[in-house]
């Protein structure tokens, strides 16, 4: 089977912020049922040229799997009219829940977010199969669409490349990063976004005491992310909004404690773990919760217990299963 991945984001192992598509592509290539996997990036500066390229490429593929919703994905679907390939889409977060509209101050930006959300809802009608990176995202789909198109919906959780995210000693990781002693609290803020609420994280760490330091991971190359996680004592997430935060999965794959506010699918991701917890957004309360948890000896082997649900190779086997079922119809 020949698969074409399409996205408005880059599929590049060196792109800071979203290397997920590259890992997804590599994982699909590892499945012997897949003959080849190609990728086309939608370029907004030359939309017609890109759409024609996608249409040409689709002719050579059995499956076209679009990632991220919005106006672009609706245009892609219409440009694929007449092509016999099977057409899927997977939504990743704000393209469905549009929560970013609450924090942006730009009227133009708010309008764009809302239009893209409406376009994503329209895509549910037009694509053969519709994926969501977490079950929680389906709650934002209008009930009439859920009732009518539930049978074509699936969940495609994002995964972790176990070849890349491998545990190393904390001492080795800290030496590589040039980090001194004390308790290092990792806070992932790739784009220095106000939505991540670094201010809350700083207050929590301050409440924990002077021996605790906030280790901010910002502008880090993807291949260095495992080193940063291995270097920390635990991971802290305080965002106002998330879809399905990758940092939680990546931390779980490296056997690290995670303390997160109740956002996105964080609660589901850490369900069943003894040494991670959902915490309050009130810094004083959160610090007390973390202190109480840290008093307990670490017992989770989350890398192994969660492998079935976070290892990219395992997740993508299920996606290829779905591709095969579609091709049989």
C-alpha atoms as a PDB file:
ATOM      1  CA  UNK A   1       0.000   0.000   0.000  1.00  0.00           C
ATOM      2  CA  UNK A   2       1.192   3.501  -0.842  1.00  0.00           C
ATOM      3  CA  UNK A   3       0.522   6.286   1.651  1.00  0.00           C
ATOM      4  CA  UNK A   4       0.660  10.045   1.130  1.00  0.00           C
ATOM      5  CA  UNK A   5       0.810  12.247   4.229  1.00  0.00           C
ATOM      6  CA  UNK A   6      -0.291  15.858   3.821  1.00  0.00           C
ATOM      7  CA  UNK A   7       0.059  18.679   6.329  1.00  0.00           C
ATOM      8  CA  UNK A   8       0.398  22.427   6.593  1.00  0.00           C
ATOM      9  CA  UNK A   9       3.315  21.835   8.960  1.00  0.00           C
ATOM     10  CA  UNK A  10       6.786  20.613   8.089  1.00  0.00           C
ATOM     11  CA  UNK A  11       7.810  16.975   8.191  1.00  0.00           C
ATOM     12  CA  UNK A  12      11.401  17.504   9.238  1.00  0.00           C
ATOM     13  CA  UNK A  13      13.399  15.935  12.064  1.00  0.00           C
ATOM     14  CA  UNK A  14      15.198  19.238  12.690  1.00  0.00           C
ATOM     15  CA  UNK A  15      12.156  21.513  12.857  1.00  0.00           C
ATOM     16  CA  UNK A  16      11.645  22.808  16.386  1.00  0.00           C
ATOM     17  CA  UNK A  17       8.087  22.479  17.611  1.00  0.00           C
ATOM     18  CA  UNK A  18       6.552  19.688  15.554  1.00  0.00           C
ATOM     19  CA  UNK A  19       8.776  16.741  14.647  1.00  0.00           C
ATOM     20  CA  UNK A  20       5.776  14.440  15.156  1.00  0.00           C
ATOM     21  CA  UNK A  21       5.010  14.114  11.451  1.00  0.00           C
ATOM     22  CA  UNK A  22       8.551  13.000  10.701  1.00  0.00           C
ATOM     23  CA  UNK A  23       8.385  10.352  13.437  1.00  0.00           C
ATOM     24  CA  UNK A  24       4.982   9.257  12.164  1.00  0.00           C
ATOM     25  CA  UNK A  25       6.310   8.889   8.640  1.00  0.00           C
ATOM     26  CA  UNK A  26       9.341   6.884   9.779  1.00  0.00           C
ATOM     27  CA  UNK A  27       7.146   4.628  11.880  1.00  0.00           C
ATOM     28  CA  UNK A  28       4.795   3.936   8.968  1.00  0.00           C
ATOM     29  CA  UNK A  29       7.816   3.066   6.839  1.00  0.00           C
ATOM     30  CA  UNK A  30       8.731   0.387   9.392  1.00  0.00           C
ATOM     31  CA  UNK A  31       5.491  -1.491   8.713  1.00  0.00           C
ATOM     32  CA  UNK A  32       6.104  -4.112   6.007  1.00  0.00           C
ATOM     33  CA  UNK A  33       2.532  -3.716   4.756  1.00  0.00           C
ATOM     34  CA  UNK A  34       3.357  -0.187   3.603  1.00  0.00           C
ATOM     35  CA  UNK A  35       5.185  -0.040   0.292  1.00  0.00           C
ATOM     36  CA  UNK A  36       6.179   3.601   0.579  1.00  0.00           C
ATOM     37  CA  UNK A  37       5.251   6.790   2.421  1.00  0.00           C
ATOM     38  CA  UNK A  38       5.506  10.218   0.802  1.00  0.00           C
ATOM     39  CA  UNK A  39       4.842  13.649   2.235  1.00  0.00           C
ATOM     40  CA  UNK A  40       3.610  16.942   0.776  1.00  0.00           C
ATOM     41  CA  UNK A  41       3.507  20.133   2.793  1.00  0.00           C
ATOM     42  CA  UNK A  42       0.762  22.620   1.997  1.00  0.00           C
ATOM     43  CA  UNK A  43       2.446  25.975   1.405  1.00  0.00           C
ATOM     44  CA  UNK A  44       0.150  28.919   2.061  1.00  0.00           C
ATOM     45  CA  UNK A  45       2.321  31.243  -0.052  1.00  0.00           C
ATOM     46  CA  UNK A  46       1.597  29.171  -3.174  1.00  0.00           C
ATOM     47  CA  UNK A  47      -1.701  27.412  -2.422  1.00  0.00           C
ATOM     48  CA  UNK A  48      -2.848  26.575  -5.945  1.00  0.00           C
ATOM     49  CA  UNK A  49       0.531  25.181  -6.942  1.00  0.00           C
ATOM     50  CA  UNK A  50       0.624  23.049  -3.791  1.00  0.00           C
ATOM     51  CA  UNK A  51      -2.953  21.813  -4.223  1.00  0.00           C
ATOM     52  CA  UNK A  52      -2.177  20.746  -7.785  1.00  0.00           C
ATOM     53  CA  UNK A  53       0.923  18.938  -6.521  1.00  0.00           C
ATOM     54  CA  UNK A  54      -1.177  17.098  -3.931  1.00  0.00           C
ATOM     55  CA  UNK A  55      -3.695  16.124  -6.609  1.00  0.00           C
ATOM     56  CA  UNK A  56      -0.914  14.763  -8.849  1.00  0.00           C
ATOM     57  CA  UNK A  57       0.699  12.838  -5.992  1.00  0.00           C
ATOM     58  CA  UNK A  58      -2.656  11.389  -4.894  1.00  0.00           C
ATOM     59  CA  UNK A  59      -2.954   9.623  -8.232  1.00  0.00           C
ATOM     60  CA  UNK A  60       0.073   7.487  -7.280  1.00  0.00           C
ATOM     61  CA  UNK A  61      -1.169   6.571  -3.783  1.00  0.00           C
ATOM     62  CA  UNK A  62      -3.804   4.349  -2.208  1.00  0.00           C
ATOM     63  CA  UNK A  63      -4.224   6.434   0.956  1.00  0.00           C
ATOM     64  CA  UNK A  64      -4.091  10.199   1.449  1.00  0.00           C
ATOM     65  CA  UNK A  65      -3.938  11.058   5.137  1.00  0.00           C
ATOM     66  CA  UNK A  66      -4.249  14.767   5.935  1.00  0.00           C
ATOM     67  CA  UNK A  67      -3.067  16.093   9.297  1.00  0.00           C
ATOM     68  CA  UNK A  68      -4.412  19.237  10.971  1.00  0.00           C
ATOM     69  CA  UNK A  69      -7.717  20.783   9.996  1.00  0.00           C
ATOM     70  CA  UNK A  70      -8.761  24.223   8.817  1.00  0.00           C
ATOM     71  CA  UNK A  71      -9.375  25.927   5.494  1.00  0.00           C
ATOM     72  CA  UNK A  72      -6.363  24.244   3.925  1.00  0.00           C
ATOM     73  CA  UNK A  73      -7.618  20.715   4.634  1.00  0.00           C
ATOM     74  CA  UNK A  74     -11.035  21.561   3.200  1.00  0.00           C
ATOM     75  CA  UNK A  75      -9.355  22.846   0.029  1.00  0.00           C
ATOM     76  CA  UNK A  76      -7.251  19.686  -0.163  1.00  0.00           C
ATOM     77  CA  UNK A  77     -10.389  17.563   0.002  1.00  0.00           C
ATOM     78  CA  UNK A  78     -12.055  19.434  -2.858  1.00  0.00           C
ATOM     79  CA  UNK A  79      -8.905  19.195  -4.980  1.00  0.00           C
ATOM     80  CA  UNK A  80      -9.003  15.424  -4.469  1.00  0.00           C
ATOM     81  CA  UNK A  81     -12.449  15.073  -6.026  1.00  0.00           C
ATOM     82  CA  UNK A  82     -12.198  12.445  -8.741  1.00  0.00           C
ATOM     83  CA  UNK A  83      -9.152  10.728  -7.256  1.00  0.00           C
ATOM     84  CA  UNK A  84      -9.845   7.101  -6.272  1.00  0.00           C
ATOM     85  CA  UNK A  85      -7.540   7.070  -3.259  1.00  0.00           C
ATOM     86  CA  UNK A  86      -9.002   6.811   0.248  1.00  0.00           C
ATOM     87  CA  UNK A  87      -9.040  10.131   2.066  1.00  0.00           C
ATOM     88  CA  UNK A  88      -8.576  10.559   5.832  1.00  0.00           C
ATOM     89  CA  UNK A  89      -7.976  13.468   8.151  1.00  0.00           C
ATOM     90  CA  UNK A  90      -6.657  13.665  11.709  1.00  0.00           C
ATOM     91  CA  UNK A  91      -7.271  16.735  13.869  1.00  0.00           C
ATOM     92  CA  UNK A  92      -4.639  17.729  16.417  1.00  0.00           C
ATOM     93  CA  UNK A  93      -6.145  20.281  18.791  1.00  0.00           C
ATOM     94  CA  UNK A  94      -6.980  23.925  18.255  1.00  0.00           C
ATOM     95  CA  UNK A  95      -8.268  23.088  14.764  1.00  0.00           C
ATOM     96  CA  UNK A  96     -11.247  21.576  16.628  1.00  0.00           C
ATOM     97  CA  UNK A  97     -11.445  23.128  20.097  1.00  0.00           C
ATOM     98  CA  UNK A  98     -10.340  26.652  18.995  1.00  0.00           C
ATOM     99  CA  UNK A  99      -9.426  27.566  22.587  1.00  0.00           C
ATOM    100  CA  UNK A 100      -6.680  29.881  21.355  1.00  0.00           C
ATOM    101  CA  UNK A 101      -9.443  32.350  20.562  1.00  0.00           C
ATOM    102  CA  UNK A 102      -9.688  33.124  24.291  1.00  0.00           C
ATOM    103  CA  UNK A 103      -6.099  34.283  24.657  1.00  0.00           C
ATOM    104  CA  UNK A 104      -5.364  36.130  21.424  1.00  0.00           C
ATOM    105  CA  UNK A 105      -5.810  39.905  21.418  1.00  0.00           C
ATOM    106  CA  UNK A 106      -6.002  40.214  17.642  1.00  0.00           C
ATOM    107  CA  UNK A 107      -9.489  40.414  16.156  1.00  0.00           C
ATOM    108  CA  UNK A 108      -8.120  39.169  12.830  1.00  0.00           C
ATOM    109  CA  UNK A 109      -6.484  36.199  14.550  1.00  0.00           C
ATOM    110  CA  UNK A 110      -9.706  35.353  16.421  1.00  0.00           C
ATOM    111  CA  UNK A 111     -11.654  35.450  13.150  1.00  0.00           C
ATOM    112  CA  UNK A 112      -9.100  33.189  11.473  1.00  0.00           C
ATOM    113  CA  UNK A 113      -9.273  30.658  14.338  1.00  0.00           C
ATOM    114  CA  UNK A 114     -13.063  30.576  14.181  1.00  0.00           C
ATOM    115  CA  UNK A 115     -13.107  30.152  10.382  1.00  0.00           C
ATOM    116  CA  UNK A 116     -10.588  27.317  10.604  1.00  0.00           C
ATOM    117  CA  UNK A 117     -12.717  25.600  13.240  1.00  0.00           C
ATOM    118  CA  UNK A 118     -15.806  25.835  11.018  1.00  0.00           C
ATOM    119  CA  UNK A 119     -13.763  24.461   8.098  1.00  0.00           C
ATOM    120  CA  UNK A 120     -12.639  21.548  10.283  1.00  0.00           C
ATOM    121  CA  UNK A 121     -16.257  20.748  11.115  1.00  0.00           C
ATOM    122  CA  UNK A 122     -17.021  20.787   7.388  1.00  0.00           C
ATOM    123  CA  UNK A 123     -14.175  18.326   6.805  1.00  0.00           C
ATOM    124  CA  UNK A 124     -15.979  15.821   9.034  1.00  0.00           C
ATOM    125  CA  UNK A 125     -18.675  15.644   6.351  1.00  0.00           C
ATOM    126  CA  UNK A 126     -16.288  15.236   3.445  1.00  0.00           C
ATOM    127  CA  UNK A 127     -13.531  12.845   4.563  1.00  0.00           C
ATOM    128  CA  UNK A 128     -14.064   9.077   4.658  1.00  0.00           C
ATOM    129  CA  UNK A 129     -12.475   8.707   8.087  1.00  0.00           C
ATOM    130  CA  UNK A 130     -11.933  11.382  10.708  1.00  0.00           C
ATOM    131  CA  UNK A 131      -9.346  11.058  13.463  1.00  0.00           C
ATOM    132  CA  UNK A 132      -8.723  12.920  16.721  1.00  0.00           C
ATOM    133  CA  UNK A 133      -5.494  12.775  18.702  1.00  0.00           C
ATOM    134  CA  UNK A 134      -7.524  12.363  21.900  1.00  0.00           C
ATOM    135  CA  UNK A 135     -11.041  11.256  22.772  1.00  0.00           C
ATOM    136  CA  UNK A 136     -11.526  14.521  24.667  1.00  0.00           C
ATOM    137  CA  UNK A 137     -11.388  16.500  21.416  1.00  0.00           C
ATOM    138  CA  UNK A 138     -14.605  14.893  20.218  1.00  0.00           C
ATOM    139  CA  UNK A 139     -16.460  16.811  22.934  1.00  0.00           C
ATOM    140  CA  UNK A 140     -15.983  19.995  20.894  1.00  0.00           C
ATOM    141  CA  UNK A 141     -17.651  18.614  17.774  1.00  0.00           C
ATOM    142  CA  UNK A 142     -21.286  19.780  17.360  1.00  0.00           C
ATOM    143  CA  UNK A 143     -23.663  17.069  18.556  1.00  0.00           C
ATOM    144  CA  UNK A 144     -25.474  16.852  15.200  1.00  0.00           C
ATOM    145  CA  UNK A 145     -22.172  15.988  13.471  1.00  0.00           C
ATOM    146  CA  UNK A 146     -21.293  13.464  16.169  1.00  0.00           C
ATOM    147  CA  UNK A 147     -24.607  11.684  15.774  1.00  0.00           C
ATOM    148  CA  UNK A 148     -24.468  11.597  11.991  1.00  0.00           C
ATOM    149  CA  UNK A 149     -20.787  10.767  11.441  1.00  0.00           C
ATOM    150  CA  UNK A 150     -19.754   8.834  14.554  1.00  0.00           C
ATOM    151  CA  UNK A 151     -19.147   5.673  12.507  1.00  0.00           C
ATOM    152  CA  UNK A 152     -16.318   7.304  10.548  1.00  0.00           C
ATOM    153  CA  UNK A 153     -14.499   8.706  13.590  1.00  0.00           C
ATOM    154  CA  UNK A 154     -11.413   7.169  15.176  1.00  0.00           C
ATOM    155  CA  UNK A 155      -8.823   8.117  17.773  1.00  0.00           C
ATOM    156  CA  UNK A 156      -5.199   8.409  16.662  1.00  0.00           C
ATOM    157  CA  UNK A 157      -3.140   9.161  19.759  1.00  0.00           C
ATOM    158  CA  UNK A 158       0.205  10.781  19.123  1.00  0.00           C
ATOM    159  CA  UNK A 159       3.116   8.601  20.068  1.00  0.00           C
ATOM    160  CA  UNK A 160       6.722   8.545  21.163  1.00  0.00           C
ATOM    161  CA  UNK A 161       9.653   7.221  19.162  1.00  0.00           C
ATOM    162  CA  UNK A 162      11.182   4.717  21.576  1.00  0.00           C
ATOM    163  CA  UNK A 163      14.366   4.698  19.494  1.00  0.00           C
ATOM    164  CA  UNK A 164      14.859   8.408  20.188  1.00  0.00           C
ATOM    165  CA  UNK A 165      13.403   8.695  23.695  1.00  0.00           C
ATOM    166  CA  UNK A 166      15.675   6.344  25.627  1.00  0.00           C
ATOM    167  CA  UNK A 167      16.570   6.755  29.305  1.00  0.00           C
ATOM    168  CA  UNK A 168      20.077   7.901  30.244  1.00  0.00           C
ATOM    169  CA  UNK A 169      21.368   8.732  33.706  1.00  0.00           C
ATOM    170  CA  UNK A 170      20.381  12.072  35.178  1.00  0.00           C
ATOM    171  CA  UNK A 171      24.045  12.774  35.869  1.00  0.00           C
ATOM    172  CA  UNK A 172      24.987  12.213  32.224  1.00  0.00           C
ATOM    173  CA  UNK A 173      22.120  14.380  30.955  1.00  0.00           C
ATOM    174  CA  UNK A 174      22.934  17.237  33.320  1.00  0.00           C
ATOM    175  CA  UNK A 175      26.585  17.103  32.371  1.00  0.00           C
ATOM    176  CA  UNK A 176      25.647  17.345  28.689  1.00  0.00           C
ATOM    177  CA  UNK A 177      23.466  20.397  29.359  1.00  0.00           C
ATOM    178  CA  UNK A 178      25.844  22.006  31.846  1.00  0.00           C
ATOM    179  CA  UNK A 179      23.241  22.021  34.630  1.00  0.00           C
ATOM    180  CA  UNK A 180      24.208  22.347  38.293  1.00  0.00           C
ATOM    181  CA  UNK A 181      22.679  20.471  41.220  1.00  0.00           C
ATOM    182  CA  UNK A 182      19.423  20.989  43.041  1.00  0.00           C
ATOM    183  CA  UNK A 183      16.000  19.795  41.955  1.00  0.00           C
ATOM    184  CA  UNK A 184      15.372  20.606  38.303  1.00  0.00           C
ATOM    185  CA  UNK A 185      11.717  21.107  37.320  1.00  0.00           C
ATOM    186  CA  UNK A 186      11.263  20.854  33.557  1.00  0.00           C
ATOM    187  CA  UNK A 187       8.832  23.252  31.922  1.00  0.00           C
ATOM    188  CA  UNK A 188       8.301  22.876  28.160  1.00  0.00           C
ATOM    189  CA  UNK A 189       7.542  26.161  26.403  1.00  0.00           C
ATOM    190  CA  UNK A 190       8.633  25.661  22.819  1.00  0.00           C
ATOM    191  CA  UNK A 191       7.292  28.938  21.418  1.00  0.00           C
ATOM    192  CA  UNK A 192       7.456  31.077  24.581  1.00  0.00           C
ATOM    193  CA  UNK A 193       3.671  31.268  24.542  1.00  0.00           C
ATOM    194  CA  UNK A 194       1.554  32.973  27.190  1.00  0.00           C
ATOM    195  CA  UNK A 195      -0.875  30.032  26.917  1.00  0.00           C
ATOM    196  CA  UNK A 196       1.700  27.798  28.633  1.00  0.00           C
ATOM    197  CA  UNK A 197       1.450  29.959  31.777  1.00  0.00           C
ATOM    198  CA  UNK A 198       5.093  30.071  32.751  1.00  0.00           C
ATOM    199  CA  UNK A 199       4.086  32.538  35.455  1.00  0.00           C
ATOM    200  CA  UNK A 200       2.132  29.822  37.313  1.00  0.00           C
ATOM    201  CA  UNK A 201       5.022  27.381  36.966  1.00  0.00           C
ATOM    202  CA  UNK A 202       7.469  29.922  38.380  1.00  0.00           C
ATOM    203  CA  UNK A 203       5.252  30.550  41.386  1.00  0.00           C
ATOM    204  CA  UNK A 204       4.869  26.824  42.063  1.00  0.00           C
ATOM    205  CA  UNK A 205       8.639  26.290  41.961  1.00  0.00           C
ATOM    206  CA  UNK A 206       9.147  29.308  44.209  1.00  0.00           C
ATOM    207  CA  UNK A 207       6.707  27.797  46.717  1.00  0.00           C
ATOM    208  CA  UNK A 208       8.632  24.518  46.656  1.00  0.00           C
ATOM    209  CA  UNK A 209      11.754  26.194  48.020  1.00  0.00           C
ATOM    210  CA  UNK A 210      15.129  27.597  47.057  1.00  0.00           C
ATOM    211  CA  UNK A 211      16.573  24.186  46.161  1.00  0.00           C
ATOM    212  CA  UNK A 212      14.083  23.863  43.280  1.00  0.00           C
ATOM    213  CA  UNK A 213      14.865  25.425  39.899  1.00  0.00           C
ATOM    214  CA  UNK A 214      12.642  25.886  36.847  1.00  0.00           C
ATOM    215  CA  UNK A 215      14.360  24.352  33.834  1.00  0.00           C
ATOM    216  CA  UNK A 216      12.703  26.007  30.823  1.00  0.00           C
ATOM    217  CA  UNK A 217      12.915  24.039  27.582  1.00  0.00           C
ATOM    218  CA  UNK A 218      12.420  26.613  24.821  1.00  0.00           C
ATOM    219  CA  UNK A 219      13.761  26.543  21.260  1.00  0.00           C
ATOM    220  CA  UNK A 220      15.352  23.129  21.784  1.00  0.00           C
ATOM    221  CA  UNK A 221      16.058  20.871  18.806  1.00  0.00           C
ATOM    222  CA  UNK A 222      13.892  17.723  18.838  1.00  0.00           C
ATOM    223  CA  UNK A 223      16.822  15.324  19.213  1.00  0.00           C
ATOM    224  CA  UNK A 224      17.832  17.160  22.391  1.00  0.00           C
ATOM    225  CA  UNK A 225      14.420  16.912  24.076  1.00  0.00           C
ATOM    226  CA  UNK A 226      15.139  13.466  25.602  1.00  0.00           C
ATOM    227  CA  UNK A 227      18.318  14.848  27.196  1.00  0.00           C
ATOM    228  CA  UNK A 228      16.367  17.667  28.861  1.00  0.00           C
ATOM    229  CA  UNK A 229      13.727  15.294  30.186  1.00  0.00           C
ATOM    230  CA  UNK A 230      16.350  12.864  31.470  1.00  0.00           C
ATOM    231  CA  UNK A 231      18.085  15.750  33.248  1.00  0.00           C
ATOM    232  CA  UNK A 232      15.064  16.826  35.297  1.00  0.00           C
ATOM    233  CA  UNK A 233      13.541  15.510  38.511  1.00  0.00           C
ATOM    234  CA  UNK A 234       9.981  15.970  37.304  1.00  0.00           C
ATOM    235  CA  UNK A 235       7.944  17.701  34.619  1.00  0.00           C
ATOM    236  CA  UNK A 236       5.483  20.522  35.271  1.00  0.00           C
ATOM    237  CA  UNK A 237       2.636  21.525  32.945  1.00  0.00           C
ATOM    238  CA  UNK A 238       0.456  24.561  33.738  1.00  0.00           C
ATOM    239  CA  UNK A 239      -1.108  25.495  30.363  1.00  0.00           C
ATOM    240  CA  UNK A 240      -4.434  27.237  29.944  1.00  0.00           C
ATOM    241  CA  UNK A 241      -5.117  25.059  26.916  1.00  0.00           C
ATOM    242  CA  UNK A 242      -3.760  21.887  25.338  1.00  0.00           C
ATOM    243  CA  UNK A 243      -5.006  19.209  22.991  1.00  0.00           C
ATOM    244  CA  UNK A 244      -2.909  16.174  23.837  1.00  0.00           C
ATOM    245  CA  UNK A 245       0.436  17.402  25.215  1.00  0.00           C
ATOM    246  CA  UNK A 246       3.425  15.510  23.827  1.00  0.00           C
ATOM    247  CA  UNK A 247       5.610  16.385  26.797  1.00  0.00           C
ATOM    248  CA  UNK A 248       3.550  14.069  29.019  1.00  0.00           C
ATOM    249  CA  UNK A 249       3.959  11.054  26.724  1.00  0.00           C
ATOM    250  CA  UNK A 250       7.655  11.774  26.272  1.00  0.00           C
ATOM    251  CA  UNK A 251       8.162  12.034  30.029  1.00  0.00           C
ATOM    252  CA  UNK A 252       6.251   8.809  30.642  1.00  0.00           C
ATOM    253  CA  UNK A 253       8.502   7.069  28.090  1.00  0.00           C
ATOM    254  CA  UNK A 254      11.502   8.199  30.141  1.00  0.00           C
ATOM    255  CA  UNK A 255      10.050   7.195  33.531  1.00  0.00           C
ATOM    256  CA  UNK A 256       9.685  10.752  34.823  1.00  0.00           C
ATOM    257  CA  UNK A 257       7.094  12.095  37.221  1.00  0.00           C
ATOM    258  CA  UNK A 258       4.563  14.479  35.645  1.00  0.00           C
ATOM    259  CA  UNK A 259       2.563  17.110  37.522  1.00  0.00           C
ATOM    260  CA  UNK A 260      -0.036  18.775  35.326  1.00  0.00           C
ATOM    261  CA  UNK A 261      -3.078  20.963  35.693  1.00  0.00           C
ATOM    262  CA  UNK A 262      -6.289  19.438  34.372  1.00  0.00           C
ATOM    263  CA  UNK A 263      -5.955  20.410  30.717  1.00  0.00           C
ATOM    264  CA  UNK A 264      -6.500  18.559  27.431  1.00  0.00           C
ATOM    265  CA  UNK A 265      -6.138  14.825  27.963  1.00  0.00           C
ATOM    266  CA  UNK A 266      -3.522  15.147  30.726  1.00  0.00           C
ATOM    267  CA  UNK A 267      -5.732  13.345  33.244  1.00  0.00           C
ATOM    268  CA  UNK A 268      -6.182  10.363  30.933  1.00  0.00           C
ATOM    269  CA  UNK A 269      -2.488  10.221  30.013  1.00  0.00           C
ATOM    270  CA  UNK A 270      -1.304   9.890  33.615  1.00  0.00           C
ATOM    271  CA  UNK A 271      -4.166   7.671  34.727  1.00  0.00           C
ATOM    272  CA  UNK A 272      -2.898   4.660  36.653  1.00  0.00           C
ATOM    273  CA  UNK A 273       0.449   6.217  37.565  1.00  0.00           C
ATOM    274  CA  UNK A 274       1.348   6.346  41.255  1.00  0.00           C
ATOM    275  CA  UNK A 275       4.027   9.038  41.090  1.00  0.00           C
ATOM    276  CA  UNK A 276       2.368  11.607  38.843  1.00  0.00           C
ATOM    277  CA  UNK A 277      -0.675  13.749  39.578  1.00  0.00           C
ATOM    278  CA  UNK A 278      -3.168  16.343  38.414  1.00  0.00           C
ATOM    279  CA  UNK A 279      -2.483  19.493  40.417  1.00  0.00           C
ATOM    280  CA  UNK A 280      -4.270  22.730  41.265  1.00  0.00           C
ATOM    281  CA  UNK A 281      -3.779  25.941  39.296  1.00  0.00           C
ATOM    282  CA  UNK A 282      -3.293  27.719  42.625  1.00  0.00           C
ATOM    283  CA  UNK A 283       0.509  27.724  43.155  1.00  0.00           C
ATOM    284  CA  UNK A 284       0.400  27.205  46.937  1.00  0.00           C
ATOM    285  CA  UNK A 285      -1.975  24.251  46.641  1.00  0.00           C
ATOM    286  CA  UNK A 286      -0.017  22.765  43.722  1.00  0.00           C
ATOM    287  CA  UNK A 287       3.255  22.982  45.650  1.00  0.00           C
ATOM    288  CA  UNK A 288       1.690  21.121  48.591  1.00  0.00           C
ATOM    289  CA  UNK A 289       0.395  18.408  46.262  1.00  0.00           C
ATOM    290  CA  UNK A 290       3.806  17.991  44.655  1.00  0.00           C
ATOM    291  CA  UNK A 291       5.611  17.875  48.007  1.00  0.00           C
ATOM    292  CA  UNK A 292       3.249  15.184  49.230  1.00  0.00           C
ATOM    293  CA  UNK A 293       3.824  13.105  46.091  1.00  0.00           C
ATOM    294  CA  UNK A 294       7.608  13.503  46.191  1.00  0.00           C
ATOM    295  CA  UNK A 295       7.638  12.009  49.683  1.00  0.00           C
ATOM    296  CA  UNK A 296       6.654   8.674  48.135  1.00  0.00           C
ATOM    297  CA  UNK A 297       9.366   6.472  46.633  1.00  0.00           C
ATOM    298  CA  UNK A 298       9.182   6.332  42.836  1.00  0.00           C
ATOM    299  CA  UNK A 299       7.616   3.022  41.785  1.00  0.00           C
ATOM    300  CA  UNK A 300       6.246   3.551  38.256  1.00  0.00           C
ATOM    301  CA  UNK A 301       7.852   1.831  35.293  1.00  0.00           C
ATOM    302  CA  UNK A 302       5.720   3.881  32.934  1.00  0.00           C
ATOM    303  CA  UNK A 303       8.022   3.280  29.962  1.00  0.00           C
ATOM    304  CA  UNK A 304       6.930  -0.344  29.911  1.00  0.00           C
ATOM    305  CA  UNK A 305       3.419  -0.177  31.377  1.00  0.00           C
ATOM    306  CA  UNK A 306       2.368   2.535  28.876  1.00  0.00           C
ATOM    307  CA  UNK A 307       4.271   1.256  25.856  1.00  0.00           C
ATOM    308  CA  UNK A 308       1.200  -0.251  24.195  1.00  0.00           C
ATOM    309  CA  UNK A 309      -0.502   3.146  24.103  1.00  0.00           C
ATOM    310  CA  UNK A 310       2.401   5.551  23.442  1.00  0.00           C
ATOM    311  CA  UNK A 311       4.958   3.716  21.289  1.00  0.00           C
ATOM    312  CA  UNK A 312       4.633   5.151  17.762  1.00  0.00           C
ATOM    313  CA  UNK A 313       5.357   1.797  16.101  1.00  0.00           C
ATOM    314  CA  UNK A 314       2.509   0.107  18.000  1.00  0.00           C
ATOM    315  CA  UNK A 315       0.058   2.988  17.468  1.00  0.00           C
ATOM    316  CA  UNK A 316       0.769   3.156  13.755  1.00  0.00           C
ATOM    317  CA  UNK A 317       0.219  -0.585  13.338  1.00  0.00           C
ATOM    318  CA  UNK A 318      -3.407   0.099  14.314  1.00  0.00           C
ATOM    319  CA  UNK A 319      -3.570   2.935  11.776  1.00  0.00           C
ATOM    320  CA  UNK A 320      -2.259   0.647   9.025  1.00  0.00           C
ATOM    321  CA  UNK A 321      -4.882  -1.913  10.092  1.00  0.00           C
ATOM    322  CA  UNK A 322      -7.479   0.772   9.409  1.00  0.00           C
ATOM    323  CA  UNK A 323      -5.902   1.598   6.044  1.00  0.00           C
ATOM    324  CA  UNK A 324      -6.223  -2.073   5.087  1.00  0.00           C
ATOM    325  CA  UNK A 325      -9.877  -2.209   6.098  1.00  0.00           C
ATOM    326  CA  UNK A 326     -10.602   0.859   3.981  1.00  0.00           C
ATOM    327  CA  UNK A 327      -8.893  -0.673   0.972  1.00  0.00           C
ATOM    328  CA  UNK A 328     -11.039  -3.792   1.295  1.00  0.00           C
ATOM    329  CA  UNK A 329     -14.261  -1.782   0.889  1.00  0.00           C
END
